[in-house]
PDB file of N, CA and C in Angstrom:
ATOM      1  N   MET A   1      24.577  15.092   1.479  1.00  0.00           N
ATOM      2  CA  MET A   1      24.124  16.300   1.194  1.00  0.00           C
ATOM      3  C   MET A   1      22.544  16.268   0.696  1.00  0.00           C
ATOM      4  N   GLY A   2      21.692  16.443   0.930  1.00  0.00           N
ATOM      5  CA  GLY A   2      20.306  16.350   0.793  1.00  0.00           C
ATOM      6  C   GLY A   2      19.332  17.114   0.747  1.00  0.00           C
ATOM      7  N   ALA A   3      17.978  17.593   0.419  1.00  0.00           N
ATOM      8  CA  ALA A   3      16.999  18.461   0.782  1.00  0.00           C
ATOM      9  C   ALA A   3      16.869  18.497   1.443  1.00  0.00           C
ATOM     10  N   CYS A   4      16.328  19.599   2.680  1.00  0.00           N
ATOM     11  CA  CYS A   4      16.180  19.403   3.884  1.00  0.00           C
ATOM     12  C   CYS A   4      14.862  20.986   3.632  1.00  0.00           C
ATOM     13  N   PRO A   5      13.844  20.870   5.010  1.00  0.00           N
ATOM     14  CA  PRO A   5      14.072  20.138   6.221  1.00  0.00           C
ATOM     15  C   PRO A   5      13.769  18.585   5.753  1.00  0.00           C
ATOM     16  N   THR A   6      14.115  17.567   6.566  1.00  0.00           N
ATOM     17  CA  THR A   6      14.082  15.966   6.255  1.00  0.00           C
ATOM     18  C   THR A   6      13.387  15.308   7.641  1.00  0.00           C
ATOM     19  N   THR A   7      12.758  14.254   7.312  1.00  0.00           N
ATOM     20  CA  THR A   7      12.253  13.403   8.515  1.00  0.00           C
ATOM     21  C   THR A   7      13.650  11.987   8.781  1.00  0.00           C
ATOM     22  N   ILE A   8      13.881  11.789   9.568  1.00  0.00           N
ATOM     23  CA  ILE A   8      15.110  10.956  10.362  1.00  0.00           C
ATOM     24  C   ILE A   8      14.222  10.284  11.037  1.00  0.00           C
ATOM     25  N   THR A   9      14.296   8.247  10.709  1.00  0.00           N
ATOM     26  CA  THR A   9      13.172   7.514  11.239  1.00  0.00           C
ATOM     27  C   THR A   9      14.542   7.106  12.039  1.00  0.00           C
ATOM     28  N   PHE A  10      14.335   6.629  12.987  1.00  0.00           N
ATOM     29  CA  PHE A  10      14.985   6.206  14.465  1.00  0.00           C
ATOM     30  C   PHE A  10      14.521   4.921  14.630  1.00  0.00           C
ATOM     31  N   ASN A  11      14.894   3.309  14.297  1.00  0.00           N
ATOM     32  CA  ASN A  11      14.069   2.216  14.659  1.00  0.00           C
ATOM     33  C   ASN A  11      15.004   1.503  15.685  1.00  0.00           C
ATOM     34  N   GLY A  12      14.559   0.710  16.736  1.00  0.00           N
ATOM     35  CA  GLY A  12      15.052  -0.168  17.478  1.00  0.00           C
ATOM     36  C   GLY A  12      14.211  -0.955  18.259  1.00  0.00           C
ATOM     37  N   THR A  13      14.861  -1.833  19.287  1.00  0.00           N
ATOM     38  CA  THR A  13      13.998  -2.991  19.966  1.00  0.00           C
ATOM     39  C   THR A  13      13.485  -3.170  20.915  1.00  0.00           C
ATOM     40  N   ILE A  14      12.965  -3.665  21.745  1.00  0.00           N
ATOM     41  CA  ILE A  14      12.750  -3.599  23.226  1.00  0.00           C
ATOM     42  C   ILE A  14      12.780  -5.457  23.704  1.00  0.00           C
ATOM     43  N   THR A  15      13.318  -5.963  24.037  1.00  0.00           N
ATOM     44  CA  THR A  15      13.652  -7.040  24.446  1.00  0.00           C
ATOM     45  C   THR A  15      13.109  -7.821  25.958  1.00  0.00           C
ATOM     46  N   LEU A  16      12.340  -8.697  25.715  1.00  0.00           N
ATOM     47  CA  LEU A  16      11.880  -9.202  27.215  1.00  0.00           C
ATOM     48  C   LEU A  16      12.228 -10.541  27.613  1.00  0.00           C
ATOM     49  N   THR A  17      13.282 -10.890  28.374  1.00  0.00           N
ATOM     50  CA  THR A  17      13.786 -11.826  28.365  1.00  0.00           C
ATOM     51  C   THR A  17      13.781 -13.390  29.117  1.00  0.00           C
ATOM     52  N   SER A  18      12.461 -12.885  29.764  1.00  0.00           N
ATOM     53  CA  SER A  18      11.639 -14.041  30.961  1.00  0.00           C
ATOM     54  C   SER A  18      10.275 -13.200  31.349  1.00  0.00           C
ATOM     55  N   GLY A  19       9.107 -14.067  31.461  1.00  0.00           N
ATOM     56  CA  GLY A  19       8.241 -13.536  32.270  1.00  0.00           C
ATOM     57  C   GLY A  19       6.890 -13.166  31.149  1.00  0.00           C
ATOM     58  N   SER A  20       6.303 -12.189  31.646  1.00  0.00           N
ATOM     59  CA  SER A  20       5.483 -11.016  31.155  1.00  0.00           C
ATOM     60  C   SER A  20       5.391  -9.907  31.831  1.00  0.00           C
ATOM     61  N   ALA A  21       5.077  -8.858  31.307  1.00  0.00           N
ATOM     62  CA  ALA A  21       5.308  -7.607  31.795  1.00  0.00           C
ATOM     63  C   ALA A  21       4.645  -6.055  30.637  1.00  0.00           C
ATOM     64  N   GLN A  22       4.415  -5.521  31.314  1.00  0.00           N
ATOM     65  CA  GLN A  22       4.341  -3.842  30.710  1.00  0.00           C
ATOM     66  C   GLN A  22       5.637  -3.527  30.468  1.00  0.00           C
ATOM     67  N   VAL A  23       6.336  -2.888  29.638  1.00  0.00           N
ATOM     68  CA  VAL A  23       7.112  -2.207  29.296  1.00  0.00           C
ATOM     69  C   VAL A  23       6.801  -0.781  28.858  1.00  0.00           C
ATOM     70  N   THR A  24       7.687   0.684  29.715  1.00  0.00           N
ATOM     71  CA  THR A  24       6.740   1.549  29.502  1.00  0.00           C
ATOM     72  C   THR A  24       7.849   2.085  28.696  1.00  0.00           C
ATOM     73  N   TYR A  25       8.463   2.809  27.911  1.00  0.00           N
ATOM     74  CA  TYR A  25       9.614   3.642  27.025  1.00  0.00           C
ATOM     75  C   TYR A  25       9.207   4.900  26.641  1.00  0.00           C
ATOM     76  N   ARG A  26      10.442   5.606  26.263  1.00  0.00           N
ATOM     77  CA  ARG A  26      10.534   6.641  25.601  1.00  0.00           C
ATOM     78  C   ARG A  26      11.204   7.351  25.038  1.00  0.00           C
ATOM     79  N   PHE A  27      11.550   8.389  24.026  1.00  0.00           N
ATOM     80  CA  PHE A  27      12.386   8.189  23.321  1.00  0.00           C
ATOM     81  C   PHE A  27      13.268   9.574  23.824  1.00  0.00           C
ATOM     82  N   LEU A  28      14.443   9.239  24.015  1.00  0.00           N
ATOM     83  CA  LEU A  28      15.276  10.992  24.092  1.00  0.00           C
ATOM     84  C   LEU A  28      15.807  11.272  22.930  1.00  0.00           C
ATOM     85  N   ARG A  29      16.274  12.976  23.095  1.00  0.00           N
ATOM     86  CA  ARG A  29      16.860  13.431  22.046  1.00  0.00           C
ATOM     87  C   ARG A  29      17.751  14.307  22.479  1.00  0.00           C
ATOM     88  N   SER A  30      19.274  14.269  21.591  1.00  0.00           N
ATOM     89  CA  SER A  30      20.010  15.383  21.707  1.00  0.00           C
ATOM     90  C   SER A  30      19.853  17.004  21.683  1.00  0.00           C
ATOM     91  N   ASP A  31      18.424  16.953  21.691  1.00  0.00           N
ATOM     92  CA  ASP A  31      18.428  18.332  21.621  1.00  0.00           C
ATOM     93  C   ASP A  31      17.123  18.515  22.641  1.00  0.00           C
ATOM     94  N   GLN A  32      17.543  17.498  23.982  1.00  0.00           N
ATOM     95  CA  GLN A  32      16.688  17.673  25.017  1.00  0.00           C
ATOM     96  C   GLN A  32      15.244  17.476  25.260  1.00  0.00           C
ATOM     97  N   ALA A  33      14.619  16.960  23.852  1.00  0.00           N
ATOM     98  CA  ALA A  33      13.361  16.391  23.529  1.00  0.00           C
ATOM     99  C   ALA A  33      13.050  15.645  24.713  1.00  0.00           C
ATOM    100  N   VAL A  34      11.841  15.040  25.161  1.00  0.00           N
ATOM    101  CA  VAL A  34      11.678  14.063  25.154  1.00  0.00           C
ATOM    102  C   VAL A  34      10.341  13.364  24.850  1.00  0.00           C
ATOM    103  N   SER A  35       9.731  12.037  24.495  1.00  0.00           N
ATOM    104  CA  SER A  35       8.271  11.772  23.262  1.00  0.00           C
ATOM    105  C   SER A  35       7.506  11.646  24.924  1.00  0.00           C
ATOM    106  N   PRO A  36       6.510  11.780  24.482  1.00  0.00           N
ATOM    107  CA  PRO A  36       5.820  10.921  25.686  1.00  0.00           C
ATOM    108  C   PRO A  36       6.062   9.153  25.562  1.00  0.00           C
ATOM    109  N   ALA A  37       5.338   8.907  27.192  1.00  0.00           N
ATOM    110  CA  ALA A  37       5.598   7.933  27.487  1.00  0.00           C
ATOM    111  C   ALA A  37       4.571   6.868  26.755  1.00  0.00           C
ATOM    112  N   GLN A  38       5.270   5.514  26.058  1.00  0.00           N
ATOM    113  CA  GLN A  38       4.697   4.030  25.513  1.00  0.00           C
ATOM    114  C   GLN A  38       4.593   3.244  26.134  1.00  0.00           C
ATOM    115  N   THR A  39       3.425   2.596  25.775  1.00  0.00           N
ATOM    116  CA  THR A  39       3.599   0.850  26.755  1.00  0.00           C
ATOM    117  C   THR A  39       3.447   0.300  25.610  1.00  0.00           C
ATOM    118  N   LEU A  40       3.951  -1.104  26.279  1.00  0.00           N
ATOM    119  CA  LEU A  40       4.478  -2.310  25.358  1.00  0.00           C
ATOM    120  C   LEU A  40       3.683  -3.287  26.236  1.00  0.00           C
ATOM    121  N   THR A  41       2.911  -4.240  25.680  1.00  0.00           N
ATOM    122  CA  THR A  41       2.184  -5.372  26.857  1.00  0.00           C
ATOM    123  C   THR A  41       3.278  -6.510  26.321  1.00  0.00           C
ATOM    124  N   PHE A  42       3.634  -7.182  26.729  1.00  0.00           N
ATOM    125  CA  PHE A  42       4.408  -8.578  26.074  1.00  0.00           C
ATOM    126  C   PHE A  42       3.785  -9.632  27.161  1.00  0.00           C
ATOM    127  N   GLU A  43       3.223 -10.321  26.706  1.00  0.00           N
ATOM    128  CA  GLU A  43       2.738 -11.906  27.184  1.00  0.00           C
ATOM    129  C   GLU A  43       3.472 -12.874  27.652  1.00  0.00           C
ATOM    130  N   ALA A  44       5.048 -13.299  27.078  1.00  0.00           N
ATOM    131  CA  ALA A  44       5.778 -13.801  27.464  1.00  0.00           C
ATOM    132  C   ALA A  44       7.270 -13.211  26.443  1.00  0.00           C
ATOM    133  N   PRO A  45       8.356 -13.862  26.913  1.00  0.00           N
ATOM    134  CA  PRO A  45       9.482 -13.270  26.341  1.00  0.00           C
ATOM    135  C   PRO A  45       9.165 -13.211  24.690  1.00  0.00           C
ATOM    136  N   ALA A  46      10.118 -12.311  24.548  1.00  0.00           N
ATOM    137  CA  ALA A  46       9.972 -11.683  22.741  1.00  0.00           C
ATOM    138  C   ALA A  46      10.600 -10.157  22.883  1.00  0.00           C
ATOM    139  N   THR A  47      11.079  -9.679  21.527  1.00  0.00           N
ATOM    140  CA  THR A  47      11.028  -8.464  21.097  1.00  0.00           C
ATOM    141  C   THR A  47      10.587  -8.269  20.577  1.00  0.00           C
ATOM    142  N   LYS A  48      10.463  -6.734  20.847  1.00  0.00           N
ATOM    143  CA  LYS A  48       9.251  -5.606  19.650  1.00  0.00           C
ATOM    144  C   LYS A  48       9.932  -4.546  19.169  1.00  0.00           C
ATOM    145  N   GLN A  49       9.882  -4.258  17.887  1.00  0.00           N
ATOM    146  CA  GLN A  49       9.851  -3.130  17.161  1.00  0.00           C
ATOM    147  C   GLN A  49       9.874  -1.951  17.762  1.00  0.00           C
ATOM    148  N   VAL A  50      10.153  -0.532  17.436  1.00  0.00           N
ATOM    149  CA  VAL A  50       9.851   0.455  18.400  1.00  0.00           C
ATOM    150  C   VAL A  50      10.186   1.574  17.445  1.00  0.00           C
ATOM    151  N   SER A  51       9.997   2.633  17.413  1.00  0.00           N
ATOM    152  CA  SER A  51      10.283   3.568  16.134  1.00  0.00           C
ATOM    153  C   SER A  51       9.623   4.898  16.324  1.00  0.00           C
ATOM    154  N   THR A  52      10.362   6.089  16.202  1.00  0.00           N
ATOM    155  CA  THR A  52      10.478   7.337  16.408  1.00  0.00           C
ATOM    156  C   THR A  52      10.572   8.022  15.115  1.00  0.00           C
ATOM    157  N   GLN A  53      10.229   9.448  14.896  1.00  0.00           N
ATOM    158  CA  GLN A  53      10.368  10.055  13.544  1.00  0.00           C
ATOM    159  C   GLN A  53      11.054  11.842  14.340  1.00  0.00           C
ATOM    160  N   TRP A  54      11.680  12.057  13.125  1.00  0.00           N
ATOM    161  CA  TRP A  54      12.509  13.403  14.067  1.00  0.00           C
ATOM    162  C   TRP A  54      12.929  14.017  12.399  1.00  0.00           C
ATOM    163  N   ARG A  55      11.861  15.697  12.423  1.00  0.00           N
ATOM    164  CA  ARG A  55      12.222  16.026  11.320  1.00  0.00           C
ATOM    165  C   ARG A  55      12.591  17.590  11.850  1.00  0.00           C
ATOM    166  N   LEU A  56      13.865  17.669  10.701  1.00  0.00           N
ATOM    167  CA  LEU A  56      15.238  18.663  11.113  1.00  0.00           C
ATOM    168  C   LEU A  56      15.673  19.386   9.751  1.00  0.00           C
ATOM    169  N   GLY A  57      16.630  19.878  10.204  1.00  0.00           N
ATOM    170  CA  GLY A  57      17.471  20.613   9.084  1.00  0.00           C
ATOM    171  C   GLY A  57      17.145  21.734   8.232  1.00  0.00           C
ATOM    172  N   ALA A  58      17.854  22.514   7.915  1.00  0.00           N
ATOM    173  CA  ALA A  58      17.039  24.035   6.864  1.00  0.00           C
ATOM    174  C   ALA A  58      18.472  23.871   6.330  1.00  0.00           C
ATOM    175  N   ALA A  59      17.987  24.401   5.232  1.00  0.00           N
ATOM    176  CA  ALA A  59      19.104  24.925   4.398  1.00  0.00           C
ATOM    177  C   ALA A  59      20.233  24.985   3.961  1.00  0.00           C
ATOM    178  N   GLY A  60      21.500  24.540   4.088  1.00  0.00           N
ATOM    179  CA  GLY A  60      22.679  25.000   4.140  1.00  0.00           C
ATOM    180  C   GLY A  60      23.249  24.503   5.443  1.00  0.00           C
ATOM    181  N   ALA A  61      22.324  23.753   6.017  1.00  0.00           N
ATOM    182  CA  ALA A  61      23.128  23.380   7.913  1.00  0.00           C
ATOM    183  C   ALA A  61      23.808  22.318   8.051  1.00  0.00           C
ATOM    184  N   ARG A  62      24.574  22.380   8.846  1.00  0.00           N
ATOM    185  CA  ARG A  62      24.765  21.088   8.810  1.00  0.00           C
ATOM    186  C   ARG A  62      24.452  20.793  10.436  1.00  0.00           C
ATOM    187  N   THR A  63      23.707  19.556  10.790  1.00  0.00           N
ATOM    188  CA  THR A  63      23.130  19.269  12.038  1.00  0.00           C
ATOM    189  C   THR A  63      23.761  18.031  12.467  1.00  0.00           C
ATOM    190  N   THR A  64      24.209  17.663  13.878  1.00  0.00           N
ATOM    191  CA  THR A  64      24.129  16.359  14.197  1.00  0.00           C
ATOM    192  C   THR A  64      23.605  16.707  15.800  1.00  0.00           C
ATOM    193  N   GLY A  65      23.778  15.232  15.950  1.00  0.00           N
ATOM    194  CA  GLY A  65      23.155  14.450  17.125  1.00  0.00           C
ATOM    195  C   GLY A  65      22.315  13.497  17.159  1.00  0.00           C
ATOM    196  N   TRP A  66      21.807  12.812  18.264  1.00  0.00           N
ATOM    197  CA  TRP A  66      21.735  11.382  18.980  1.00  0.00           C
ATOM    198  C   TRP A  66      19.986  11.249  19.029  1.00  0.00           C
ATOM    199  N   GLN A  67      19.569   9.874  18.910  1.00  0.00           N
ATOM    200  CA  GLN A  67      18.197   9.433  19.953  1.00  0.00           C
ATOM    201  C   GLN A  67      18.693   8.322  20.597  1.00  0.00           C
ATOM    202  N   ALA A  68      17.839   7.971  21.732  1.00  0.00           N
ATOM    203  CA  ALA A  68      17.793   6.470  22.527  1.00  0.00           C
ATOM    204  C   ALA A  68      16.883   6.859  23.182  1.00  0.00           C
ATOM    205  N   ILE A  69      16.420   5.248  23.606  1.00  0.00           N
ATOM    206  CA  ILE A  69      15.438   4.565  24.110  1.00  0.00           C
ATOM    207  C   ILE A  69      15.735   4.713  25.450  1.00  0.00           C
ATOM    208  N   GLN A  70      14.840   5.089  26.234  1.00  0.00           N
ATOM    209  CA  GLN A  70      15.049   4.677  27.802  1.00  0.00           C
ATOM    210  C   GLN A  70      13.553   3.871  28.096  1.00  0.00           C
ATOM    211  N   VAL A  71      13.881   3.019  29.058  1.00  0.00           N
ATOM    212  CA  VAL A  71      13.074   2.157  29.708  1.00  0.00           C
ATOM    213  C   VAL A  71      13.111   2.509  31.289  1.00  0.00           C
ATOM    214  N   THR A  72      11.559   2.812  31.170  1.00  0.00           N
ATOM    215  CA  THR A  72      11.284   3.448  32.503  1.00  0.00           C
ATOM    216  C   THR A  72      10.261   2.860  33.342  1.00  0.00           C
ATOM    217  N   GLU A  73       9.876   1.714  32.886  1.00  0.00           N
ATOM    218  CA  GLU A  73       9.277   0.146  33.959  1.00  0.00           C
ATOM    219  C   GLU A  73       9.217  -0.627  33.186  1.00  0.00           C
ATOM    220  N   PRO A  74       9.619  -2.201  33.924  1.00  0.00           N
ATOM    221  CA  PRO A  74       9.303  -2.542  35.275  1.00  0.00           C
ATOM    222  C   PRO A  74      10.939  -1.853  35.896  1.00  0.00           C
ATOM    223  N   VAL A  75      12.221  -1.971  34.974  1.00  0.00           N
ATOM    224  CA  VAL A  75      13.464  -1.447  35.565  1.00  0.00           C
ATOM    225  C   VAL A  75      13.853  -0.320  34.246  1.00  0.00           C
ATOM    226  N   SER A  76      14.779   0.199  35.049  1.00  0.00           N
ATOM    227  CA  SER A  76      15.245   1.692  34.420  1.00  0.00           C
ATOM    228  C   SER A  76      16.488   1.283  33.685  1.00  0.00           C
ATOM    229  N   LEU A  77      16.645   1.438  32.328  1.00  0.00           N
ATOM    230  CA  LEU A  77      17.843   1.336  31.378  1.00  0.00           C
ATOM    231  C   LEU A  77      17.117   2.097  30.514  1.00  0.00           C
ATOM    232  N   GLN A  78      18.575   2.732  29.448  1.00  0.00           N
ATOM    233  CA  GLN A  78      18.418   3.489  28.555  1.00  0.00           C
ATOM    234  C   GLN A  78      19.681   2.680  27.140  1.00  0.00           C
ATOM    235  N   SER A  79      18.951   2.962  25.926  1.00  0.00           N
ATOM    236  CA  SER A  79      20.052   2.499  25.102  1.00  0.00           C
ATOM    237  C   SER A  79      21.065   3.040  24.740  1.00  0.00           C
ATOM    238  N   ASP A  80      22.051   2.744  23.694  1.00  0.00           N
ATOM    239  CA  ASP A  80      23.177   2.904  23.594  1.00  0.00           C
ATOM    240  C   ASP A  80      22.456   4.260  22.427  1.00  0.00           C
ATOM    241  N   ARG A  81      23.494   5.754  21.880  1.00  0.00           N
ATOM    242  CA  ARG A  81      22.898   6.890  21.354  1.00  0.00           C
ATOM    243  C   ARG A  81      22.854   6.236  19.902  1.00  0.00           C
ATOM    244  N   ALA A  82      21.705   6.668  19.154  1.00  0.00           N
ATOM    245  CA  ALA A  82      21.789   6.400  17.868  1.00  0.00           C
ATOM    246  C   ALA A  82      22.451   7.648  17.501  1.00  0.00           C
ATOM    247  N   GLU A  83      23.625   7.777  16.811  1.00  0.00           N
ATOM    248  CA  GLU A  83      24.172   9.533  16.510  1.00  0.00           C
ATOM    249  C   GLU A  83      24.369   9.541  15.016  1.00  0.00           C
ATOM    250  N   PHE A  84      23.522  10.859  14.720  1.00  0.00           N
ATOM    251  CA  PHE A  84      23.716  11.063  12.967  1.00  0.00           C
ATOM    252  C   PHE A  84      24.337  12.325  12.715  1.00  0.00           C
ATOM    253  N   SER A  85      24.063  13.010  11.816  1.00  0.00           N
ATOM    254  CA  SER A  85      24.972  13.970  11.052  1.00  0.00           C
ATOM    255  C   SER A  85      24.122  14.256   9.913  1.00  0.00           C
ATOM    256  N   LEU A  86      23.525  15.595   9.156  1.00  0.00           N
ATOM    257  CA  LEU A  86      23.046  15.944   8.374  1.00  0.00           C
ATOM    258  C   LEU A  86      23.414  16.951   7.850  1.00  0.00           C
ATOM    259  N   MET A  87      23.902  17.167   6.911  1.00  0.00           N
ATOM    260  CA  MET A  87      24.381  18.228   5.998  1.00  0.00           C
ATOM    261  C   MET A  87      23.108  18.549   4.691  1.00  0.00           C
ATOM    262  N   CYS A  88      22.780  19.768   5.068  1.00  0.00           N
ATOM    263  CA  CYS A  88      21.507  20.258   3.752  1.00  0.00           C
ATOM    264  C   CYS A  88      22.131  20.906   2.823  1.00  0.00           C
ATOM    265  N   GLN A  89      21.632  20.873   1.635  1.00  0.00           N
ATOM    266  CA  GLN A  89      21.950  21.808   0.126  1.00  0.00           C
ATOM    267  C   GLN A  89      21.036  23.051   0.637  1.00  0.00           C
TER     268      GLN A  89
END
């Protein structure tokens, strides 16, 4: 239990295993919100950190949800969902 509203930070990684590429991705949320597309430039195989924040919660509320990363270019992939539960005082 904690004070609300609060901001939850979601961290993830995107990995390019071969070559070079521009990778376009966005964050998907359980409330149907979709972030604007963002682009990472990979000059060589690497792993890059990505993150987003979500401010939510009302006094006395219990909220559950999830967030995921969706890669749209150069291939279409989606991460597992990062699920959360928030209980506000």
